[in-house]
Amino acid sequence: MIPISRPLLGPEEEAAVLAVLRSGKLAQGEEVEQLEQGFAELCGVRHGVAVTSGTTALFLALLAHEIGPDDEVITTPFSFVATANSILMTGARPVFVDIDEDCFNLNVRQIEAAITPRTRAIMPVHLYGHPAEMDAIMVIARRNGLAVIEDAAQAVGARYRGRPTGNFSTACFSLYATKNITSGEGGMITTDDDAIAEKLRLLRNHGSRVRYYHECLGYNCRMTDLHAAIGRVQLGKCEAFTAQRIANAQLLNQMITHPQVIKPQVRPGIHHVFHQYTVRILGDRDAAAQQLAAAGVGTAIFYPLTIPNQPVYRELGYQATTPVADRISGEILALPVHPGLTSDEVHQIARAVNALQIEAPFAQAV
């Protein structure tokens, strides 16, 4: 079975971890600092702040912008649930705006209609590695006095009109095992704002900058040097990994010809890093996934329910009118695109897709 993801870890990562183990210095230290500097350079900003996960990155970024109870944050209904959960964790309320059909990101034309006196921020998601429409989002944010927090969990190395994700505002990345680069588990926050960076460093460390003196309520969200050592090596491989993902995606684009399979769209000016290669199945998506599994091709559905349709959000009373996201969640299917694929495997994936027997949607009985 060709897996949907396959972390690529080699002797360089092993050596880096072994060096930390032999040093006896396992907690946050020099390796974390080096990883932070590398991320800041990648994003073209002054600060990187390493934390324990992409979720804690989002949570702390919101807190650093003083977002809390009674506030509202506009975001997408079509993402991993952590996007909205991080807002709930602060006591604020996520407000869901529908998505665009082609790139699955926030529909910027609907954002301003969702702004209320309680709105404090916009949280766009660069879904699957395709950056959101950041120019328009930043204009709306400035016009309305709102913060912007980029959920760039899936978009390390992506660029919007030449600018890297993580360069527009406060941004949050994930270094989970299946991401384009990994530290095993971890997250990174990037910002050009000195004051926000200082707040983030306090918040991740129990509100302390001097040991045993605590200036504010904080948390234990520190990354270890063990994780950072893996992440530092992986960051050095990011460009090569990304190039291979793009090459795999381009080959799949060339070879997949099934009329009921809509291939990923990339908008002009976008450098898509293909965290996922997500197609839309016009027909029975689940049956297509079963056929691909029988042909030795692993798939995944990211995500089968929109966030406001998740049981926990239904229990909380959330209702959102997001017809595009609702429809897309029933059509999408991710195919393997990771840099560990061989050329033969890419060809196998395309052949399996082209051979799909898909019942047409709304077919009429004869």
Protein backbone atom coordinates (compact mmCIF):
# COMPACT_ATOMS: atom_id res chain seq x y z
CA MET A 1 0.00 0.00 0.00
CA ILE A 2 1.34 3.44 -0.92
CA PRO A 3 0.84 5.47 2.27
CA ILE A 4 -0.77 8.91 2.29
CA SER A 5 2.25 10.25 4.21
CA ARG A 6 5.73 9.03 5.05
CA PRO A 7 8.06 11.10 7.29
CA LEU A 8 11.57 11.16 5.83
CA LEU A 9 14.10 10.87 8.66
CA GLY A 10 17.71 9.92 8.03
CA PRO A 11 21.14 9.69 9.64
CA GLU A 12 21.37 13.48 9.97
CA GLU A 13 18.35 13.58 12.28
CA GLU A 14 19.66 10.57 14.21
CA ALA A 15 23.02 12.24 14.72
CA ALA A 16 21.41 15.50 15.85
CA VAL A 17 19.25 13.74 18.44
CA LEU A 18 22.17 11.64 19.65
CA ALA A 19 24.26 14.79 20.13
CA VAL A 20 21.55 16.27 22.35
CA LEU A 21 21.24 13.06 24.35
CA ARG A 22 24.99 12.93 24.91
CA SER A 23 25.05 16.59 25.97
CA GLY A 24 22.65 15.90 28.83
CA LYS A 25 20.82 19.15 27.98
CA LEU A 26 17.40 17.97 26.86
CA ALA A 27 15.08 20.87 27.62
CA GLN A 28 14.72 24.15 25.72
CA GLY A 29 18.16 25.45 24.82
CA GLU A 30 20.53 26.10 21.94
CA GLU A 31 18.82 23.74 19.49
CA VAL A 32 15.52 25.54 20.03
CA GLU A 33 17.20 28.90 19.48
CA GLN A 34 18.76 27.71 16.22
CA LEU A 35 15.44 26.36 14.96
CA GLU A 36 13.74 29.65 15.85
CA GLN A 37 16.37 31.65 13.98
CA GLY A 38 16.04 29.38 10.95
CA PHE A 39 12.26 29.79 10.83
CA ALA A 40 12.51 33.56 11.22
CA GLU A 41 14.94 33.68 8.29
CA LEU A 42 12.70 31.44 6.16
CA CYS A 43 9.74 33.75 6.77
CA GLY A 44 11.72 36.99 6.51
CA VAL A 45 10.80 38.20 10.00
CA ARG A 46 12.70 39.03 13.20
CA HIS A 47 11.27 36.42 15.53
CA GLY A 48 10.52 32.72 15.72
CA VAL A 49 9.07 31.30 18.94
CA ALA A 50 9.07 27.53 19.28
CA VAL A 51 6.27 25.79 21.20
CA THR A 52 4.91 22.31 21.78
CA SER A 53 2.47 22.04 18.86
CA GLY A 54 0.66 23.90 16.12
CA THR A 55 -2.39 24.05 18.38
CA THR A 56 -0.53 25.71 21.24
CA ALA A 57 1.02 28.07 18.69
CA LEU A 58 -2.45 29.27 17.68
CA PHE A 59 -3.63 29.48 21.27
CA LEU A 60 -0.64 31.52 22.46
CA ALA A 61 -0.75 33.77 19.39
CA LEU A 62 -4.36 34.66 20.19
CA LEU A 63 -3.48 35.35 23.82
CA ALA A 64 -0.53 37.50 22.78
CA HIS A 65 -2.98 39.63 20.79
CA GLU A 66 -5.14 39.88 23.95
CA ILE A 67 -8.05 37.97 22.46
CA GLY A 68 -10.33 36.40 25.03
CA PRO A 69 -13.88 36.10 26.39
CA ASP A 70 -16.61 37.93 24.43
CA ASP A 71 -14.30 38.46 21.44
CA GLU A 72 -14.93 37.02 17.97
CA VAL A 73 -12.42 35.68 15.47
CA ILE A 74 -13.39 35.15 11.84
CA THR A 75 -12.08 31.91 10.38
CA THR A 76 -12.79 29.07 8.00
CA PRO A 77 -15.20 26.19 8.59
CA PHE A 78 -13.00 23.90 6.49
CA SER A 79 -9.84 23.02 8.38
CA PHE A 80 -8.55 20.73 11.10
CA VAL A 81 -10.61 21.37 14.23
CA ALA A 82 -7.61 22.86 16.08
CA THR A 83 -8.04 26.06 14.08
CA ALA A 84 -11.34 26.85 15.79
CA ASN A 85 -10.55 25.03 19.04
CA SER A 86 -7.68 27.41 19.71
CA ILE A 87 -10.16 30.29 19.58
CA LEU A 88 -12.55 28.52 21.97
CA MET A 89 -9.63 27.83 24.33
CA THR A 90 -9.20 31.58 24.88
CA GLY A 91 -12.89 32.04 25.66
CA ALA A 92 -13.49 33.81 22.34
CA ARG A 93 -15.93 32.69 19.67
CA PRO A 94 -15.05 31.49 16.16
CA VAL A 95 -17.20 32.99 13.42
CA PHE A 96 -17.24 30.88 10.27
CA VAL A 97 -17.11 32.32 6.76
CA ASP A 98 -17.53 30.10 3.70
CA ILE A 99 -14.70 29.07 1.38
CA ASP A 100 -13.81 29.41 -2.28
CA GLU A 101 -14.40 26.29 -4.36
CA ASP A 102 -11.10 26.33 -6.25
CA CYS A 103 -8.53 26.61 -3.44
CA PHE A 104 -10.66 25.73 -0.37
CA ASN A 105 -9.54 28.86 1.51
CA LEU A 106 -11.57 31.69 3.06
CA ASN A 107 -13.82 33.55 0.66
CA VAL A 108 -12.52 37.08 1.25
CA ARG A 109 -15.63 38.60 -0.31
CA GLN A 110 -17.67 37.35 2.65
CA ILE A 111 -15.39 38.46 5.48
CA GLU A 112 -16.58 42.03 6.04
CA ALA A 113 -20.23 40.99 6.28
CA ALA A 114 -19.24 38.81 9.26
CA ILE A 115 -17.52 41.62 11.18
CA THR A 116 -19.32 42.82 14.32
CA PRO A 117 -18.32 45.17 17.16
CA ARG A 118 -16.89 42.10 18.93
CA THR A 119 -14.63 41.02 16.08
CA ARG A 120 -10.97 41.21 17.05
CA ALA A 121 -9.10 39.12 14.50
CA ILE A 122 -9.14 37.14 11.28
CA MET A 123 -7.55 33.70 11.22
CA PRO A 124 -7.05 32.54 7.61
CA VAL A 125 -5.80 29.00 6.95
CA HIS A 126 -3.36 28.20 4.15
CA LEU A 127 -5.10 24.90 3.54
CA TYR A 128 -3.16 21.97 2.07
CA GLY A 129 -0.22 24.35 1.43
CA HIS A 130 -2.09 26.83 -0.81
CA PRO A 131 -1.81 30.34 0.71
CA ALA A 132 -4.97 32.29 1.39
CA GLU A 133 -5.63 35.64 -0.31
CA MET A 134 -3.42 37.57 2.08
CA ASP A 135 -3.36 40.95 0.31
CA ALA A 136 -7.14 41.26 0.51
CA ILE A 137 -7.25 39.90 4.06
CA MET A 138 -4.64 42.41 5.27
CA VAL A 139 -6.54 45.29 3.64
CA ILE A 140 -9.76 44.23 5.39
CA ALA A 141 -7.93 43.84 8.70
CA ARG A 142 -6.31 47.28 8.53
CA ARG A 143 -9.58 48.92 7.49
CA ASN A 144 -11.37 47.42 10.49
CA GLY A 145 -8.57 47.50 13.07
CA LEU A 146 -8.28 43.71 13.32
CA ALA A 147 -5.36 41.44 14.06
CA VAL A 148 -4.46 38.70 11.58
CA ILE A 149 -3.16 35.33 12.73
CA GLU A 150 -2.09 33.04 9.90
CA ASP A 151 -2.78 29.35 10.43
CA ALA A 152 0.17 28.19 8.36
CA ALA A 153 0.28 24.71 9.90
CA GLN A 154 0.30 23.08 6.45
CA ALA A 155 2.21 25.75 4.55
CA VAL A 156 5.84 25.95 5.57
CA GLY A 157 7.78 27.30 2.57
CA ALA A 158 4.67 28.45 0.68
CA ARG A 159 4.57 31.93 -0.87
CA TYR A 160 1.86 34.40 -1.80
CA ARG A 161 2.91 36.78 -4.58
CA GLY A 162 6.53 36.24 -3.65
CA ARG A 163 6.08 36.71 0.10
CA PRO A 164 6.46 33.66 2.34
CA THR A 165 3.68 32.50 4.60
CA GLY A 166 4.53 33.71 8.07
CA ASN A 167 5.62 37.10 6.72
CA PHE A 168 2.30 38.97 6.75
CA SER A 169 1.42 38.96 10.44
CA THR A 170 1.66 36.67 13.44
CA ALA A 171 1.74 33.16 11.97
CA CYS A 172 1.60 29.64 13.35
CA PHE A 173 3.23 26.51 11.93
CA SER A 174 2.94 22.86 12.87
CA LEU A 175 5.86 20.45 13.02
CA TYR A 176 3.74 17.35 13.58
CA ALA A 177 5.03 14.05 12.22
CA THR A 178 3.05 14.17 8.95
CA LYS A 179 3.76 17.80 8.05
CA ASN A 180 6.11 18.86 5.21
CA ILE A 181 8.89 19.06 7.78
CA THR A 182 8.69 17.66 11.27
CA SER A 183 10.20 17.80 14.72
CA GLY A 184 8.12 14.77 15.77
CA GLU A 185 5.76 17.12 17.58
CA GLY A 186 6.02 20.87 17.86
CA GLY A 187 4.97 24.26 16.60
CA MET A 188 6.45 27.61 15.63
CA ILE A 189 5.14 31.17 15.79
CA THR A 190 6.69 33.83 13.58
CA THR A 191 6.28 37.59 13.92
CA ASP A 192 7.97 40.87 13.10
CA ASP A 193 6.44 42.48 16.20
CA ASP A 194 8.91 42.72 19.09
CA ALA A 195 6.18 43.17 21.71
CA ILE A 196 4.18 40.16 20.48
CA ALA A 197 7.33 38.03 20.46
CA GLU A 198 8.10 39.01 24.04
CA LYS A 199 4.56 38.14 25.14
CA LEU A 200 4.80 34.78 23.41
CA ARG A 201 8.04 33.92 25.19
CA LEU A 202 6.46 34.77 28.52
CA LEU A 203 3.28 32.85 27.81
CA ARG A 204 5.10 29.64 26.80
CA ASN A 205 7.21 29.69 29.99
CA HIS A 206 4.81 30.17 32.92
CA GLY A 207 4.88 33.95 32.47
CA SER A 208 8.53 34.03 33.46
CA ARG A 209 11.64 35.59 31.92
CA VAL A 210 13.70 35.31 35.14
CA ARG A 211 13.53 31.92 36.81
CA TYR A 212 10.98 31.73 39.62
CA TYR A 213 9.68 35.27 38.96
CA HIS A 214 6.33 35.23 37.16
CA GLU A 215 4.96 38.37 35.53
CA CYS A 216 1.70 36.99 34.13
CA LEU A 217 -0.35 33.82 33.87
CA GLY A 218 1.55 31.56 31.52
CA TYR A 219 1.77 27.96 30.42
CA ASN A 220 4.30 25.20 29.91
CA CYS A 221 4.52 25.18 26.10
CA ARG A 222 8.28 24.92 25.68
CA MET A 223 9.80 22.81 22.92
CA THR A 224 12.62 20.47 23.95
CA ASP A 225 16.05 20.46 22.37
CA LEU A 226 15.41 16.85 21.34
CA HIS A 227 12.49 17.90 19.17
CA ALA A 228 14.25 21.02 17.94
CA ALA A 229 17.27 19.01 16.83
CA ILE A 230 15.07 17.00 14.49
CA GLY A 231 13.28 20.14 13.31
CA ARG A 232 16.53 22.01 12.64
CA VAL A 233 17.80 19.26 10.34
CA GLN A 234 14.41 18.99 8.64
CA LEU A 235 14.32 22.75 8.06
CA GLY A 236 17.54 22.40 6.10
CA LYS A 237 15.79 19.84 3.88
CA CYS A 238 12.63 21.90 3.42
CA GLU A 239 13.52 23.27 -0.01
CA ALA A 240 14.37 19.84 -1.42
CA PHE A 241 11.29 18.21 0.12
CA THR A 242 9.08 20.95 -1.27
CA ALA A 243 10.56 20.70 -4.76
CA GLN A 244 9.83 16.96 -4.80
CA ARG A 245 6.26 17.46 -3.60
CA ILE A 246 5.68 19.98 -6.37
CA ALA A 247 7.24 17.67 -8.95
CA ASN A 248 5.02 14.80 -7.79
CA ALA A 249 1.94 17.04 -7.95
CA GLN A 250 2.82 18.24 -11.45
CA LEU A 251 3.24 14.66 -12.66
CA LEU A 252 -0.11 13.68 -11.15
CA ASN A 253 -1.69 16.71 -12.83
CA GLN A 254 -0.32 15.59 -16.19
CA MET A 255 -1.34 11.95 -15.84
CA ILE A 256 -4.75 12.10 -14.16
CA THR A 257 -7.41 12.44 -16.85
CA HIS A 258 -10.55 11.01 -15.22
CA PRO A 259 -13.49 13.30 -16.09
CA GLN A 260 -15.02 12.98 -12.62
CA VAL A 261 -11.82 13.82 -10.75
CA ILE A 262 -11.13 17.53 -10.33
CA LYS A 263 -7.42 18.10 -9.76
CA PRO A 264 -6.04 20.74 -7.33
CA GLN A 265 -6.21 24.30 -8.59
CA VAL A 266 -3.38 26.79 -8.02
CA ARG A 267 -4.16 30.49 -8.28
CA PRO A 268 -1.83 32.90 -10.12
CA GLY A 269 1.03 34.18 -7.98
CA ILE A 270 0.81 31.24 -5.58
CA HIS A 271 3.67 28.91 -4.62
CA HIS A 272 1.70 25.86 -3.44
CA VAL A 273 3.76 23.44 -1.33
CA PHE A 274 1.29 20.52 -1.58
CA HIS A 275 1.08 19.38 2.00
CA GLN A 276 -1.80 17.47 0.49
CA TYR A 277 -2.72 16.71 -3.12
CA THR A 278 -6.48 16.93 -2.75
CA VAL A 279 -8.84 16.07 -5.58
CA ARG A 280 -12.61 16.35 -5.74
CA ILE A 281 -14.60 13.26 -6.67
CA LEU A 282 -17.78 14.05 -8.57
CA GLY A 283 -19.69 10.99 -7.50
CA ASP A 284 -19.33 8.42 -4.73
CA ARG A 285 -16.17 9.55 -2.96
CA ASP A 286 -16.13 6.69 -0.45
CA ALA A 287 -16.47 4.08 -3.19
CA ALA A 288 -13.57 5.73 -5.04
CA ALA A 289 -11.42 5.53 -1.90
CA GLN A 290 -12.24 1.83 -1.56
CA GLN A 291 -11.27 1.17 -5.18
CA LEU A 292 -7.98 3.02 -4.71
CA ALA A 293 -7.22 1.01 -1.57
CA ALA A 294 -7.84 -2.20 -3.54
CA ALA A 295 -5.32 -0.89 -6.10
CA GLY A 296 -2.71 -0.33 -3.38
CA VAL A 297 -3.12 3.43 -3.07
CA GLY A 298 -3.69 4.95 0.35
CA THR A 299 -5.99 7.96 0.62
CA ALA A 300 -7.38 10.22 3.35
CA ILE A 301 -10.24 12.65 3.76
CA PHE A 302 -9.16 16.05 5.09
CA TYR A 303 -11.87 16.77 6.32
CA PRO A 304 -15.14 14.77 6.22
CA LEU A 305 -17.08 17.31 8.32
CA THR A 306 -16.86 21.07 8.46
CA ILE A 307 -15.95 22.37 11.90
CA PRO A 308 -19.42 23.74 12.76
CA ASN A 309 -20.86 20.33 11.85
CA GLN A 310 -18.57 18.50 14.27
CA PRO A 311 -20.55 17.01 17.21
CA VAL A 312 -18.75 19.16 19.78
CA TYR A 313 -19.68 22.34 17.91
CA ARG A 314 -23.25 21.19 17.43
CA GLU A 315 -23.45 20.65 21.19
CA LEU A 316 -22.19 24.19 21.71
CA GLY A 317 -25.01 25.47 19.52
CA TYR A 318 -22.98 26.44 16.46
CA GLN A 319 -24.82 26.79 13.18
CA ALA A 320 -23.11 28.18 10.11
CA THR A 321 -24.35 28.81 6.60
CA THR A 322 -21.38 27.55 4.58
CA PRO A 323 -22.82 25.68 1.58
CA VAL A 324 -19.58 25.53 -0.40
CA ALA A 325 -17.61 24.06 2.51
CA ASP A 326 -20.42 21.61 3.25
CA ARG A 327 -20.43 20.36 -0.34
CA ILE A 328 -16.64 20.23 -0.69
CA SER A 329 -16.30 18.16 2.49
CA GLY A 330 -18.32 15.44 0.75
CA GLU A 331 -16.15 15.46 -2.38
CA ILE A 332 -12.51 15.82 -1.35
CA LEU A 333 -10.01 12.98 -1.31
CA ALA A 334 -6.27 13.32 -0.68
CA LEU A 335 -3.82 11.24 -2.73
CA PRO A 336 -0.19 10.54 -1.79
CA VAL A 337 2.18 13.35 -2.86
CA HIS A 338 4.92 13.16 -0.23
CA PRO A 339 8.59 13.36 -1.27
CA GLY A 340 9.19 9.71 -0.40
CA LEU A 341 7.24 8.55 -3.46
CA THR A 342 9.10 6.87 -6.29
CA SER A 343 8.32 7.66 -9.91
CA ASP A 344 6.75 4.21 -10.26
CA GLU A 345 4.47 4.91 -7.30
CA VAL A 346 3.32 8.23 -8.77
CA HIS A 347 2.47 6.44 -12.02
CA GLN A 348 0.65 3.72 -10.06
CA ILE A 349 -1.45 6.37 -8.27
CA ALA A 350 -2.41 8.06 -11.56
CA ARG A 351 -3.30 4.76 -13.24
CA ALA A 352 -5.47 3.77 -10.29
CA VAL A 353 -7.30 7.12 -10.37
CA ASN A 354 -7.90 6.92 -14.11
CA ALA A 355 -9.32 3.41 -13.71
CA LEU A 356 -11.93 4.47 -11.13
CA GLN A 357 -15.50 3.40 -11.79
CA ILE A 358 -17.46 6.30 -10.33
CA GLU A 359 -21.20 6.44 -10.34
CA ALA A 360 -22.15 9.87 -11.64
CA PRO A 361 -23.81 12.14 -9.07
CA PHE A 362 -27.57 12.42 -9.32
CA ALA A 363 -27.64 9.66 -11.96
CA GLN A 364 -31.14 8.93 -13.19
CA ALA A 365 -32.37 5.36 -13.18
CA VAL A 366 -33.18 4.09 -16.68
